[in-house]
């Protein structure tokens, strides 16, 4: 059932007053990747992109120490290839990146203990 023109005008007017538009251009095929990622997490593509921007801005504005060391917020900087491998592993395991990394660290610590090594403090 089509939306009456008066309703559509009202929606458009509301959006114009309350929202800013940002147009982004991505390589062919990336839009589908973004949409699939958003749907898998139960959110719209718009919500996902907004969240990605907000989280990146928060991370970028956090005080940072020397590269590769812990940040005040408990964030660790990883080399790009390591981060990519962790993201792929988390996706394959069906879990979030923080949970995947925490599990990997715990597993490695247990393996180190079995070998007789002590984890670094």
PDB file of N, CA and C in Angstrom:
ATOM      1  N   UNK A   1       0.841  -1.172   0.000  1.00  0.00           N
ATOM      2  CA  UNK A   1       0.000   0.000   0.000  1.00  0.00           C
ATOM      3  C   UNK A   1       0.893   1.244   0.000  1.00  0.00           C
ATOM      4  N   UNK A   2       0.746   2.099  -0.985  1.00  0.00           N
ATOM      5  CA  UNK A   2       1.594   3.291  -1.072  1.00  0.00           C
ATOM      6  C   UNK A   2       1.313   4.264   0.071  1.00  0.00           C
ATOM      7  N   UNK A   3       2.375   4.992   0.438  1.00  0.00           N
ATOM      8  CA  UNK A   3       2.261   6.006   1.487  1.00  0.00           C
ATOM      9  C   UNK A   3       1.653   7.261   0.871  1.00  0.00           C
ATOM     10  N   UNK A   4       0.650   7.838   1.528  1.00  0.00           N
ATOM     11  CA  UNK A   4       0.061   9.082   0.994  1.00  0.00           C
ATOM     12  C   UNK A   4       1.121  10.177   0.872  1.00  0.00           C
ATOM     13  N   UNK A   5       0.984  11.006  -0.155  1.00  0.00           N
ATOM     14  CA  UNK A   5       1.972  12.056  -0.417  1.00  0.00           C
ATOM     15  C   UNK A   5       2.115  13.010   0.760  1.00  0.00           C
ATOM     16  N   UNK A   6       1.023  13.301   1.445  1.00  0.00           N
ATOM     17  CA  UNK A   6       1.084  14.207   2.600  1.00  0.00           C
ATOM     18  C   UNK A   6       1.947  13.615   3.709  1.00  0.00           C
ATOM     19  N   UNK A   7       1.804  12.313   3.917  1.00  0.00           N
ATOM     20  CA  UNK A   7       2.635  11.649   4.938  1.00  0.00           C
ATOM     21  C   UNK A   7       4.113  11.704   4.552  1.00  0.00           C
ATOM     22  N   UNK A   8       4.413  11.453   3.296  1.00  0.00           N
ATOM     23  CA  UNK A   8       5.803  11.460   2.838  1.00  0.00           C
ATOM     24  C   UNK A   8       6.404  12.858   2.955  1.00  0.00           C
ATOM     25  N   UNK A   9       5.604  13.881   2.629  1.00  0.00           N
ATOM     26  CA  UNK A   9       6.091  15.265   2.782  1.00  0.00           C
ATOM     27  C   UNK A   9       6.395  15.558   4.244  1.00  0.00           C
ATOM     28  N   UNK A  10       5.546  15.105   5.146  1.00  0.00           N
ATOM     29  CA  UNK A  10       5.761  15.332   6.578  1.00  0.00           C
ATOM     30  C   UNK A  10       7.038  14.636   7.057  1.00  0.00           C
ATOM     31  N   UNK A  11       7.251  13.407   6.599  1.00  0.00           N
ATOM     32  CA  UNK A  11       8.470  12.665   6.971  1.00  0.00           C
ATOM     33  C   UNK A  11       9.697  13.381   6.426  1.00  0.00           C
ATOM     34  N   UNK A  12       9.639  13.798   5.175  1.00  0.00           N
ATOM     35  CA  UNK A  12      10.778  14.506   4.570  1.00  0.00           C
ATOM     36  C   UNK A  12      11.080  15.806   5.305  1.00  0.00           C
ATOM     37  N   UNK A  13      10.035  16.545   5.682  1.00  0.00           N
ATOM     38  CA  UNK A  13      10.218  17.800   6.415  1.00  0.00           C
ATOM     39  C   UNK A  13      10.870  17.521   7.774  1.00  0.00           C
ATOM     40  N   UNK A  14      10.389  16.500   8.466  1.00  0.00           N
ATOM     41  CA  UNK A  14      10.959  16.122   9.769  1.00  0.00           C
ATOM     42  C   UNK A  14      12.440  15.770   9.632  1.00  0.00           C
ATOM     43  N   UNK A  15      12.773  14.952   8.635  1.00  0.00           N
ATOM     44  CA  UNK A  15      14.167  14.561   8.418  1.00  0.00           C
ATOM     45  C   UNK A  15      15.039  15.781   8.110  1.00  0.00           C
ATOM     46  N   UNK A  16      14.524  16.679   7.306  1.00  0.00           N
ATOM     47  CA  UNK A  16      15.299  17.867   6.927  1.00  0.00           C
ATOM     48  C   UNK A  16      15.613  18.730   8.152  1.00  0.00           C
ATOM     49  N   UNK A  17      14.676  18.838   9.061  1.00  0.00           N
ATOM     50  CA  UNK A  17      14.857  19.645  10.267  1.00  0.00           C
ATOM     51  C   UNK A  17      15.766  18.948  11.291  1.00  0.00           C
ATOM     52  N   UNK A  18      15.653  17.635  11.416  1.00  0.00           N
ATOM     53  CA  UNK A  18      16.292  16.914  12.522  1.00  0.00           C
ATOM     54  C   UNK A  18      17.534  16.109  12.172  1.00  0.00           C
ATOM     55  N   UNK A  19      17.850  15.968  10.906  1.00  0.00           N
ATOM     56  CA  UNK A  19      18.980  15.124  10.521  1.00  0.00           C
ATOM     57  C   UNK A  19      19.872  15.813   9.500  1.00  0.00           C
ATOM     58  N   UNK A  20      21.160  15.474   9.548  1.00  0.00           N
ATOM     59  CA  UNK A  20      22.100  15.852   8.497  1.00  0.00           C
ATOM     60  C   UNK A  20      22.343  14.612   7.647  1.00  0.00           C
ATOM     61  N   UNK A  21      22.585  14.819   6.374  1.00  0.00           N
ATOM     62  CA  UNK A  21      22.892  13.699   5.481  1.00  0.00           C
ATOM     63  C   UNK A  21      24.372  13.711   5.169  1.00  0.00           C
ATOM     64  N   UNK A  22      24.946  12.518   5.128  1.00  0.00           N
ATOM     65  CA  UNK A  22      26.336  12.336   4.722  1.00  0.00           C
ATOM     66  C   UNK A  22      26.328  11.256   3.648  1.00  0.00           C
ATOM     67  N   UNK A  23      26.901  11.546   2.517  1.00  0.00           N
ATOM     68  CA  UNK A  23      26.983  10.549   1.448  1.00  0.00           C
ATOM     69  C   UNK A  23      28.403   9.999   1.430  1.00  0.00           C
ATOM     70  N   UNK A  24      28.520   8.686   1.411  1.00  0.00           N
ATOM     71  CA  UNK A  24      29.842   8.084   1.313  1.00  0.00           C
ATOM     72  C   UNK A  24      29.919   7.250   0.042  1.00  0.00           C
ATOM     73  N   UNK A  25      31.113   7.146  -0.489  1.00  0.00           N
ATOM     74  CA  UNK A  25      31.352   6.349  -1.679  1.00  0.00           C
ATOM     75  C   UNK A  25      32.325   5.246  -1.301  1.00  0.00           C
ATOM     76  N   UNK A  26      31.958   4.013  -1.606  1.00  0.00           N
ATOM     77  CA  UNK A  26      32.801   2.862  -1.268  1.00  0.00           C
ATOM     78  C   UNK A  26      33.039   2.031  -2.526  1.00  0.00           C
ATOM     79  N   UNK A  27      34.113   1.245  -2.541  1.00  0.00           N
ATOM     80  CA  UNK A  27      34.362   0.386  -3.706  1.00  0.00           C
ATOM     81  C   UNK A  27      33.210  -0.593  -3.929  1.00  0.00           C
ATOM     82  N   UNK A  28      33.000  -0.952  -5.182  1.00  0.00           N
ATOM     83  CA  UNK A  28      31.942  -1.903  -5.538  1.00  0.00           C
ATOM     84  C   UNK A  28      32.037  -3.140  -4.654  1.00  0.00           C
ATOM     85  N   UNK A  29      30.889  -3.577  -4.153  1.00  0.00           N
ATOM     86  CA  UNK A  29      30.819  -4.775  -3.335  1.00  0.00           C
ATOM     87  C   UNK A  29      30.924  -4.500  -1.841  1.00  0.00           C
ATOM     88  N   UNK A  30      31.533  -3.377  -1.448  1.00  0.00           N
ATOM     89  CA  UNK A  30      31.692  -3.076  -0.026  1.00  0.00           C
ATOM     90  C   UNK A  30      30.352  -2.770   0.640  1.00  0.00           C
ATOM     91  N   UNK A  31      29.441  -2.136  -0.085  1.00  0.00           N
ATOM     92  CA  UNK A  31      28.129  -1.834   0.484  1.00  0.00           C
ATOM     93  C   UNK A  31      27.456  -3.124   0.959  1.00  0.00           C
ATOM     94  N   UNK A  32      27.528  -4.168   0.135  1.00  0.00           N
ATOM     95  CA  UNK A  32      26.916  -5.444   0.504  1.00  0.00           C
ATOM     96  C   UNK A  32      27.596  -6.045   1.730  1.00  0.00           C
ATOM     97  N   UNK A  33      28.910  -5.881   1.832  1.00  0.00           N
ATOM     98  CA  UNK A  33      29.657  -6.381   2.994  1.00  0.00           C
ATOM     99  C   UNK A  33      29.209  -5.635   4.246  1.00  0.00           C
ATOM    100  N   UNK A  34      29.086  -4.307   4.155  1.00  0.00           N
ATOM    101  CA  UNK A  34      28.641  -3.498   5.293  1.00  0.00           C
ATOM    102  C   UNK A  34      27.218  -3.894   5.710  1.00  0.00           C
ATOM    103  N   UNK A  35      26.341  -4.051   4.729  1.00  0.00           N
ATOM    104  CA  UNK A  35      24.956  -4.409   5.034  1.00  0.00           C
ATOM    105  C   UNK A  35      24.877  -5.778   5.712  1.00  0.00           C
ATOM    106  N   UNK A  36      25.621  -6.751   5.207  1.00  0.00           N
ATOM    107  CA  UNK A  36      25.604  -8.094   5.795  1.00  0.00           C
ATOM    108  C   UNK A  36      26.125  -8.061   7.228  1.00  0.00           C
ATOM    109  N   UNK A  37      27.176  -7.280   7.451  1.00  0.00           N
ATOM    110  CA  UNK A  37      27.741  -7.159   8.799  1.00  0.00           C
ATOM    111  C   UNK A  37      26.701  -6.553   9.743  1.00  0.00           C
ATOM    112  N   UNK A  38      26.039  -5.502   9.310  1.00  0.00           N
ATOM    113  CA  UNK A  38      25.035  -4.838  10.139  1.00  0.00           C
ATOM    114  C   UNK A  38      23.870  -5.772  10.445  1.00  0.00           C
ATOM    115  N   UNK A  39      23.366  -6.449   9.428  1.00  0.00           N
ATOM    116  CA  UNK A  39      22.235  -7.359   9.603  1.00  0.00           C
ATOM    117  C   UNK A  39      22.594  -8.484  10.571  1.00  0.00           C
ATOM    118  N   UNK A  40      23.820  -8.997  10.471  1.00  0.00           N
ATOM    119  CA  UNK A  40      24.257 -10.079  11.356  1.00  0.00           C
ATOM    120  C   UNK A  40      24.267  -9.636  12.819  1.00  0.00           C
ATOM    121  N   UNK A  41      24.359  -8.337  13.046  1.00  0.00           N
ATOM    122  CA  UNK A  41      24.374  -7.806  14.403  1.00  0.00           C
ATOM    123  C   UNK A  41      23.055  -7.136  14.781  1.00  0.00           C
ATOM    124  N   UNK A  42      22.047  -7.309  13.930  1.00  0.00           N
ATOM    125  CA  UNK A  42      20.715  -6.807  14.231  1.00  0.00           C
ATOM    126  C   UNK A  42      20.568  -5.300  14.164  1.00  0.00           C
ATOM    127  N   UNK A  43      21.322  -4.653  13.292  1.00  0.00           N
ATOM    128  CA  UNK A  43      21.199  -3.209  13.168  1.00  0.00           C
ATOM    129  C   UNK A  43      21.142  -2.817  11.704  1.00  0.00           C
ATOM    130  N   UNK A  44      20.702  -1.597  11.463  1.00  0.00           N
ATOM    131  CA  UNK A  44      20.655  -1.102  10.094  1.00  0.00           C
ATOM    132  C   UNK A  44      22.065  -0.722   9.653  1.00  0.00           C
ATOM    133  N   UNK A  45      22.239  -0.605   8.345  1.00  0.00           N
ATOM    134  CA  UNK A  45      23.536  -0.171   7.821  1.00  0.00           C
ATOM    135  C   UNK A  45      23.855   1.225   8.335  1.00  0.00           C
ATOM    136  N   UNK A  46      22.868   2.094   8.380  1.00  0.00           N
ATOM    137  CA  UNK A  46      23.065   3.450   8.875  1.00  0.00           C
ATOM    138  C   UNK A  46      23.520   3.436  10.339  1.00  0.00           C
ATOM    139  N   UNK A  47      22.852   2.621  11.165  1.00  0.00           N
ATOM    140  CA  UNK A  47      23.229   2.524  12.582  1.00  0.00           C
ATOM    141  C   UNK A  47      24.643   1.961  12.728  1.00  0.00           C
ATOM    142  N   UNK A  48      24.977   0.962  11.923  1.00  0.00           N
ATOM    143  CA  UNK A  48      26.316   0.379  11.985  1.00  0.00           C
ATOM    144  C   UNK A  48      27.385   1.408  11.622  1.00  0.00           C
ATOM    145  N   UNK A  49      27.167   2.143  10.539  1.00  0.00           N
ATOM    146  CA  UNK A  49      28.159   3.139  10.111  1.00  0.00           C
ATOM    147  C   UNK A  49      28.273   4.239  11.167  1.00  0.00           C
ATOM    148  N   UNK A  50      27.150   4.678  11.707  1.00  0.00           N
ATOM    149  CA  UNK A  50      27.184   5.690  12.764  1.00  0.00           C
ATOM    150  C   UNK A  50      27.953   5.204  13.988  1.00  0.00           C
ATOM    151  N   UNK A  51      27.707   3.946  14.379  1.00  0.00           N
ATOM    152  CA  UNK A  51      28.413   3.361  15.524  1.00  0.00           C
ATOM    153  C   UNK A  51      29.899   3.244  15.234  1.00  0.00           C
ATOM    154  N   UNK A  52      30.251   2.815  14.040  1.00  0.00           N
ATOM    155  CA  UNK A  52      31.665   2.675  13.669  1.00  0.00           C
ATOM    156  C   UNK A  52      32.380   4.024  13.741  1.00  0.00           C
ATOM    157  N   UNK A  53      31.725   5.058  13.258  1.00  0.00           N
ATOM    158  CA  UNK A  53      32.326   6.396  13.302  1.00  0.00           C
ATOM    159  C   UNK A  53      32.471   6.862  14.744  1.00  0.00           C
ATOM    160  N   UNK A  54      31.413   6.710  15.541  1.00  0.00           N
ATOM    161  CA  UNK A  54      31.448   7.156  16.935  1.00  0.00           C
ATOM    162  C   UNK A  54      32.528   6.424  17.728  1.00  0.00           C
ATOM    163  N   UNK A  55      32.587   5.099  17.580  1.00  0.00           N
ATOM    164  CA  UNK A  55      33.593   4.322  18.317  1.00  0.00           C
ATOM    165  C   UNK A  55      35.005   4.694  17.885  1.00  0.00           C
ATOM    166  N   UNK A  56      35.197   4.931  16.601  1.00  0.00           N
ATOM    167  CA  UNK A  56      36.526   5.318  16.115  1.00  0.00           C
ATOM    168  C   UNK A  56      36.905   6.682  16.666  1.00  0.00           C
ATOM    169  N   UNK A  57      35.968   7.615  16.689  1.00  0.00           N
ATOM    170  CA  UNK A  57      36.264   8.941  17.230  1.00  0.00           C
ATOM    171  C   UNK A  57      36.614   8.861  18.716  1.00  0.00           C
ATOM    172  N   UNK A  58      35.888   8.026  19.468  1.00  0.00           N
ATOM    173  CA  UNK A  58      36.190   7.852  20.892  1.00  0.00           C
ATOM    174  C   UNK A  58      37.585   7.252  21.070  1.00  0.00           C
ATOM    175  N   UNK A  59      37.893   6.249  20.279  1.00  0.00           N
ATOM    176  CA  UNK A  59      39.206   5.598  20.363  1.00  0.00           C
ATOM    177  C   UNK A  59      40.313   6.572  19.962  1.00  0.00           C
ATOM    178  N   UNK A  60      40.069   7.361  18.910  1.00  0.00           N
ATOM    179  CA  UNK A  60      41.074   8.313  18.447  1.00  0.00           C
ATOM    180  C   UNK A  60      41.335   9.429  19.455  1.00  0.00           C
ATOM    181  N   UNK A  61      40.322   9.777  20.245  1.00  0.00           N
ATOM    182  CA  UNK A  61      40.502  10.871  21.196  1.00  0.00           C
ATOM    183  C   UNK A  61      41.000  10.392  22.552  1.00  0.00           C
ATOM    184  N   UNK A  62      41.115   9.071  22.741  1.00  0.00           N
ATOM    185  CA  UNK A  62      41.630   8.535  24.009  1.00  0.00           C
ATOM    186  C   UNK A  62      43.123   8.827  24.106  1.00  0.00           C
ATOM    187  N   UNK A  63      43.610   9.162  25.310  1.00  0.00           N
ATOM    188  CA  UNK A  63      45.046   9.405  25.449  1.00  0.00           C
ATOM    189  C   UNK A  63      45.829   8.131  25.165  1.00  0.00           C
ATOM    190  N   UNK A  64      46.886   8.257  24.395  1.00  0.00           N
ATOM    191  CA  UNK A  64      47.668   7.088  24.012  1.00  0.00           C
ATOM    192  C   UNK A  64      49.079   7.176  24.575  1.00  0.00           C
ATOM    193  N   UNK A  65      49.606   5.997  24.913  1.00  0.00           N
ATOM    194  CA  UNK A  65      50.995   5.894  25.338  1.00  0.00           C
ATOM    195  C   UNK A  65      51.800   5.438  24.131  1.00  0.00           C
ATOM    196  N   UNK A  66      52.990   4.968  24.349  1.00  0.00           N
ATOM    197  CA  UNK A  66      53.836   4.489  23.259  1.00  0.00           C
ATOM    198  C   UNK A  66      53.131   3.363  22.509  1.00  0.00           C
ATOM    199  N   UNK A  67      53.398   3.262  21.212  1.00  0.00           N
ATOM    200  CA  UNK A  67      52.750   2.255  20.374  1.00  0.00           C
ATOM    201  C   UNK A  67      52.962   0.864  20.933  1.00  0.00           C
ATOM    202  N   UNK A  68      51.878   0.087  20.950  1.00  0.00           N
ATOM    203  CA  UNK A  68      51.967  -1.300  21.387  1.00  0.00           C
ATOM    204  C   UNK A  68      51.810  -1.489  22.879  1.00  0.00           C
ATOM    205  N   UNK A  69      51.638  -0.420  23.660  1.00  0.00           N
ATOM    206  CA  UNK A  69      51.453  -0.562  25.099  1.00  0.00           C
ATOM    207  C   UNK A  69      50.001  -0.326  25.449  1.00  0.00           C
ATOM    208  N   UNK A  70      49.631  -0.674  26.670  1.00  0.00           N
ATOM    209  CA  UNK A  70      48.243  -0.520  27.099  1.00  0.00           C
ATOM    210  C   UNK A  70      47.878   0.950  27.207  1.00  0.00           C
ATOM    211  N   UNK A  71      46.654   1.267  26.859  1.00  0.00           N
ATOM    212  CA  UNK A  71      46.150   2.626  26.991  1.00  0.00           C
ATOM    213  C   UNK A  71      45.415   2.738  28.319  1.00  0.00           C
ATOM    214  N   UNK A  72      45.121   3.951  28.732  1.00  0.00           N
ATOM    215  CA  UNK A  72      44.416   4.159  29.988  1.00  0.00           C
ATOM    216  C   UNK A  72      43.089   3.414  30.023  1.00  0.00           C
ATOM    217  N   UNK A  73      42.408   3.316  28.904  1.00  0.00           N
ATOM    218  CA  UNK A  73      41.099   2.652  28.870  1.00  0.00           C
ATOM    219  C   UNK A  73      41.218   1.145  28.760  1.00  0.00           C
ATOM    220  N   UNK A  74      42.418   0.598  28.821  1.00  0.00           N
ATOM    221  CA  UNK A  74      42.596  -0.845  28.708  1.00  0.00           C
ATOM    222  C   UNK A  74      42.665  -1.323  27.278  1.00  0.00           C
ATOM    223  N   UNK A  75      42.924  -0.437  26.340  1.00  0.00           N
ATOM    224  CA  UNK A  75      42.999  -0.784  24.925  1.00  0.00           C
ATOM    225  C   UNK A  75      44.450  -1.039  24.558  1.00  0.00           C
ATOM    226  N   UNK A  76      44.678  -2.060  23.748  1.00  0.00           N
ATOM    227  CA  UNK A  76      46.023  -2.391  23.297  1.00  0.00           C
ATOM    228  C   UNK A  76      46.080  -2.212  21.788  1.00  0.00           C
ATOM    229  N   UNK A  77      47.151  -1.630  21.317  1.00  0.00           N
ATOM    230  CA  UNK A  77      47.348  -1.453  19.887  1.00  0.00           C
ATOM    231  C   UNK A  77      47.990  -2.712  19.315  1.00  0.00           C
ATOM    232  N   UNK A  78      47.401  -3.253  18.258  1.00  0.00           N
ATOM    233  CA  UNK A  78      47.938  -4.444  17.613  1.00  0.00           C
ATOM    234  C   UNK A  78      48.425  -4.089  16.216  1.00  0.00           C
ATOM    235  N   UNK A  79      49.452  -4.780  15.732  1.00  0.00           N
ATOM    236  CA  UNK A  79      49.873  -4.567  14.339  1.00  0.00           C
ATOM    237  C   UNK A  79      48.702  -4.916  13.405  1.00  0.00           C
ATOM    238  N   UNK A  80      48.588  -4.236  12.272  1.00  0.00           N
ATOM    239  CA  UNK A  80      47.443  -4.454  11.378  1.00  0.00           C
ATOM    240  C   UNK A  80      47.228  -5.913  10.971  1.00  0.00           C
ATOM    241  N   UNK A  81      48.307  -6.641  10.683  1.00  0.00           N
ATOM    242  CA  UNK A  81      48.118  -8.039  10.267  1.00  0.00           C
ATOM    243  C   UNK A  81      47.610  -8.902  11.418  1.00  0.00           C
ATOM    244  N   UNK A  82      48.043  -8.613  12.635  1.00  0.00           N
ATOM    245  CA  UNK A  82      47.569  -9.351  13.806  1.00  0.00           C
ATOM    246  C   UNK A  82      46.107  -9.034  14.070  1.00  0.00           C
ATOM    247  N   UNK A  83      45.742  -7.757  13.967  1.00  0.00           N
ATOM    248  CA  UNK A  83      44.356  -7.357  14.166  1.00  0.00           C
ATOM    249  C   UNK A  83      43.452  -8.023  13.138  1.00  0.00           C
ATOM    250  N   UNK A  84      43.888  -8.046  11.884  1.00  0.00           N
ATOM    251  CA  UNK A  84      43.080  -8.676  10.830  1.00  0.00           C
ATOM    252  C   UNK A  84      42.891 -10.169  11.116  1.00  0.00           C
ATOM    253  N   UNK A  85      43.952 -10.845  11.523  1.00  0.00           N
ATOM    254  CA  UNK A  85      43.854 -12.270  11.845  1.00  0.00           C
ATOM    255  C   UNK A  85      42.901 -12.495  13.014  1.00  0.00           C
ATOM    256  N   UNK A  86      42.975 -11.630  14.025  1.00  0.00           N
ATOM    257  CA  UNK A  86      42.088 -11.752  15.184  1.00  0.00           C
ATOM    258  C   UNK A  86      40.639 -11.514  14.781  1.00  0.00           C
ATOM    259  N   UNK A  87      40.392 -10.522  13.924  1.00  0.00           N
ATOM    260  CA  UNK A  87      39.036 -10.249  13.459  1.00  0.00           C
ATOM    261  C   UNK A  87      38.478 -11.442  12.683  1.00  0.00           C
ATOM    262  N   UNK A  88      39.296 -12.027  11.824  1.00  0.00           N
ATOM    263  CA  UNK A  88      38.852 -13.191  11.055  1.00  0.00           C
ATOM    264  C   UNK A  88      38.577 -14.377  11.976  1.00  0.00           C
ATOM    265  N   UNK A  89      39.450 -14.573  12.965  1.00  0.00           N
ATOM    266  CA  UNK A  89      39.255 -15.663  13.919  1.00  0.00           C
ATOM    267  C   UNK A  89      37.994 -15.475  14.742  1.00  0.00           C
ATOM    268  N   UNK A  90      37.752 -14.250  15.186  1.00  0.00           N
ATOM    269  CA  UNK A  90      36.552 -13.956  15.974  1.00  0.00           C
ATOM    270  C   UNK A  90      35.299 -14.206  15.150  1.00  0.00           C
ATOM    271  N   UNK A  91      35.336 -13.767  13.896  1.00  0.00           N
ATOM    272  CA  UNK A  91      34.172 -13.971  13.035  1.00  0.00           C
ATOM    273  C   UNK A  91      33.926 -15.460  12.807  1.00  0.00           C
ATOM    274  N   UNK A  92      34.999 -16.215  12.560  1.00  0.00           N
ATOM    275  CA  UNK A  92      34.853 -17.657  12.341  1.00  0.00           C
ATOM    276  C   UNK A  92      34.327 -18.363  13.587  1.00  0.00           C
ATOM    277  N   UNK A  93      34.710 -17.849  14.769  1.00  0.00           N
ATOM    278  CA  UNK A  93      34.269 -18.449  16.025  1.00  0.00           C
ATOM    279  C   UNK A  93      32.891 -17.949  16.446  1.00  0.00           C
ATOM    280  N   UNK A  94      32.375 -16.951  15.732  1.00  0.00           N
ATOM    281  CA  UNK A  94      31.064 -16.413  16.054  1.00  0.00           C
ATOM    282  C   UNK A  94      31.033 -15.621  17.348  1.00  0.00           C
ATOM    283  N   UNK A  95      32.129 -14.941  17.659  1.00  0.00           N
ATOM    284  CA  UNK A  95      32.160 -14.146  18.883  1.00  0.00           C
ATOM    285  C   UNK A  95      32.763 -12.778  18.605  1.00  0.00           C
ATOM    286  N   UNK A  96      32.609 -11.882  19.544  1.00  0.00           N
ATOM    287  CA  UNK A  96      33.167 -10.543  19.396  1.00  0.00           C
ATOM    288  C   UNK A  96      34.678 -10.571  19.512  1.00  0.00           C
ATOM    289  N   UNK A  97      35.300  -9.548  18.952  1.00  0.00           N
ATOM    290  CA  UNK A  97      36.761  -9.465  18.977  1.00  0.00           C
ATOM    291  C   UNK A  97      37.326  -9.456  20.393  1.00  0.00           C
ATOM    292  N   UNK A  98      36.772  -8.658  21.336  1.00  0.00           N
ATOM    293  CA  UNK A  98      37.329  -8.678  22.692  1.00  0.00           C
ATOM    294  C   UNK A  98      37.252 -10.060  23.355  1.00  0.00           C
ATOM    295  N   UNK A  99      36.123 -10.747  23.154  1.00  0.00           N
ATOM    296  CA  UNK A  99      35.976 -12.077  23.742  1.00  0.00           C
ATOM    297  C   UNK A  99      36.959 -13.059  23.107  1.00  0.00           C
ATOM    298  N   UNK A 100      37.127 -12.961  21.799  1.00  0.00           N
ATOM    299  CA  UNK A 100      38.048 -13.856  21.098  1.00  0.00           C
ATOM    300  C   UNK A 100      39.480 -13.658  21.588  1.00  0.00           C
ATOM    301  N   UNK A 101      39.896 -12.389  21.698  1.00  0.00           N
ATOM    302  CA  UNK A 101      41.264 -12.104  22.140  1.00  0.00           C
ATOM    303  C   UNK A 101      41.456 -12.554  23.581  1.00  0.00           C
ATOM    304  N   UNK A 102      40.460 -12.297  24.446  1.00  0.00           N
ATOM    305  CA  UNK A 102      40.567 -12.728  25.843  1.00  0.00           C
ATOM    306  C   UNK A 102      40.719 -14.246  25.922  1.00  0.00           C
ATOM    307  N   UNK A 103      39.934 -14.959  25.123  1.00  0.00           N
ATOM    308  CA  UNK A 103      40.020 -16.423  25.125  1.00  0.00           C
ATOM    309  C   UNK A 103      41.375 -16.888  24.601  1.00  0.00           C
ATOM    310  N   UNK A 104      41.884 -16.220  23.577  1.00  0.00           N
ATOM    311  CA  UNK A 104      43.194 -16.583  23.019  1.00  0.00           C
ATOM    312  C   UNK A 104      44.294 -16.370  24.043  1.00  0.00           C
ATOM    313  N   UNK A 105      44.223 -15.267  24.781  1.00  0.00           N
ATOM    314  CA  UNK A 105      45.236 -14.993  25.806  1.00  0.00           C
ATOM    315  C   UNK A 105      45.163 -16.042  26.908  1.00  0.00           C
ATOM    316  N   UNK A 106      43.947 -16.350  27.366  1.00  0.00           N
ATOM    317  CA  UNK A 106      43.785 -17.364  28.416  1.00  0.00           C
ATOM    318  C   UNK A 106      44.316 -18.717  27.952  1.00  0.00           C
ATOM    319  N   UNK A 107      44.013 -19.079  26.708  1.00  0.00           N
ATOM    320  CA  UNK A 107      44.490 -20.352  26.162  1.00  0.00           C
ATOM    321  C   UNK A 107      46.015 -20.379  26.114  1.00  0.00           C
ATOM    322  N   UNK A 108      46.610 -19.290  25.658  1.00  0.00           N
ATOM    323  CA  UNK A 108      48.071 -19.220  25.584  1.00  0.00           C
ATOM    324  C   UNK A 108      48.692 -19.288  26.969  1.00  0.00           C
ATOM    325  N   UNK A 109      48.089 -18.635  27.936  1.00  0.00           N
ATOM    326  CA  UNK A 109      48.613 -18.688  29.306  1.00  0.00           C
ATOM    327  C   UNK A 109      48.587 -20.116  29.843  1.00  0.00           C
ATOM    328  N   UNK A 110      47.503 -20.828  29.579  1.00  0.00           N
ATOM    329  CA  UNK A 110      47.395 -22.226  30.022  1.00  0.00           C
ATOM    330  C   UNK A 110      48.461 -23.087  29.338  1.00  0.00           C
ATOM    331  N   UNK A 111      48.678 -22.870  28.046  1.00  0.00           N
ATOM    332  CA  UNK A 111      49.714 -23.628  27.333  1.00  0.00           C
ATOM    333  C   UNK A 111      51.089 -23.330  27.892  1.00  0.00           C
ATOM    334  N   UNK A 112      51.348 -22.061  28.216  1.00  0.00           N
ATOM    335  CA  UNK A 112      52.634 -21.681  28.791  1.00  0.00           C
ATOM    336  C   UNK A 112      52.837 -22.343  30.153  1.00  0.00           C
ATOM    337  N   UNK A 113      51.764 -22.427  30.940  1.00  0.00           N
ATOM    338  CA  UNK A 113      51.859 -23.060  32.260  1.00  0.00           C
ATOM    339  C   UNK A 113      52.191 -24.542  32.098  1.00  0.00           C
ATOM    340  N   UNK A 114      51.583 -25.211  31.102  1.00  0.00           N
ATOM    341  CA  UNK A 114      51.834 -26.635  30.881  1.00  0.00           C
ATOM    342  C   UNK A 114      53.289 -26.886  30.479  1.00  0.00           C
ATOM    343  N   UNK A 115      53.888 -25.923  29.814  1.00  0.00           N
ATOM    344  CA  UNK A 115      55.287 -26.041  29.390  1.00  0.00           C
ATOM    345  C   UNK A 115      56.245 -25.661  30.514  1.00  0.00           C
ATOM    346  N   UNK A 116      55.689 -25.183  31.638  1.00  0.00           N
ATOM    347  CA  UNK A 116      56.539 -24.810  32.763  1.00  0.00           C
ATOM    348  C   UNK A 116      56.935 -23.363  32.765  1.00  0.00           C
ATOM    349  N   UNK A 117      56.467 -22.593  31.814  1.00  0.00           N
ATOM    350  CA  UNK A 117      56.808 -21.174  31.769  1.00  0.00           C
ATOM    351  C   UNK A 117      55.850 -20.367  32.612  1.00  0.00           C
ATOM    352  N   UNK A 118      56.282 -19.267  33.111  1.00  0.00           N
ATOM    353  CA  UNK A 118      55.446 -18.367  33.888  1.00  0.00           C
ATOM    354  C   UNK A 118      55.040 -17.187  33.008  1.00  0.00           C
ATOM    355  N   UNK A 119      53.769 -16.799  33.024  1.00  0.00           N
ATOM    356  CA  UNK A 119      53.360 -15.639  32.237  1.00  0.00           C
ATOM    357  C   UNK A 119      54.023 -14.376  32.743  1.00  0.00           C
ATOM    358  N   UNK A 120      54.307 -13.470  31.821  1.00  0.00           N
ATOM    359  CA  UNK A 120      54.899 -12.194  32.199  1.00  0.00           C
ATOM    360  C   UNK A 120      53.874 -11.350  32.925  1.00  0.00           C
ATOM    361  N   UNK A 121      54.325 -10.575  33.901  1.00  0.00           N
ATOM    362  CA  UNK A 121      53.412  -9.683  34.628  1.00  0.00           C
ATOM    363  C   UNK A 121      53.516  -8.297  34.090  1.00  0.00           C
TER     364      UNK A 121
END
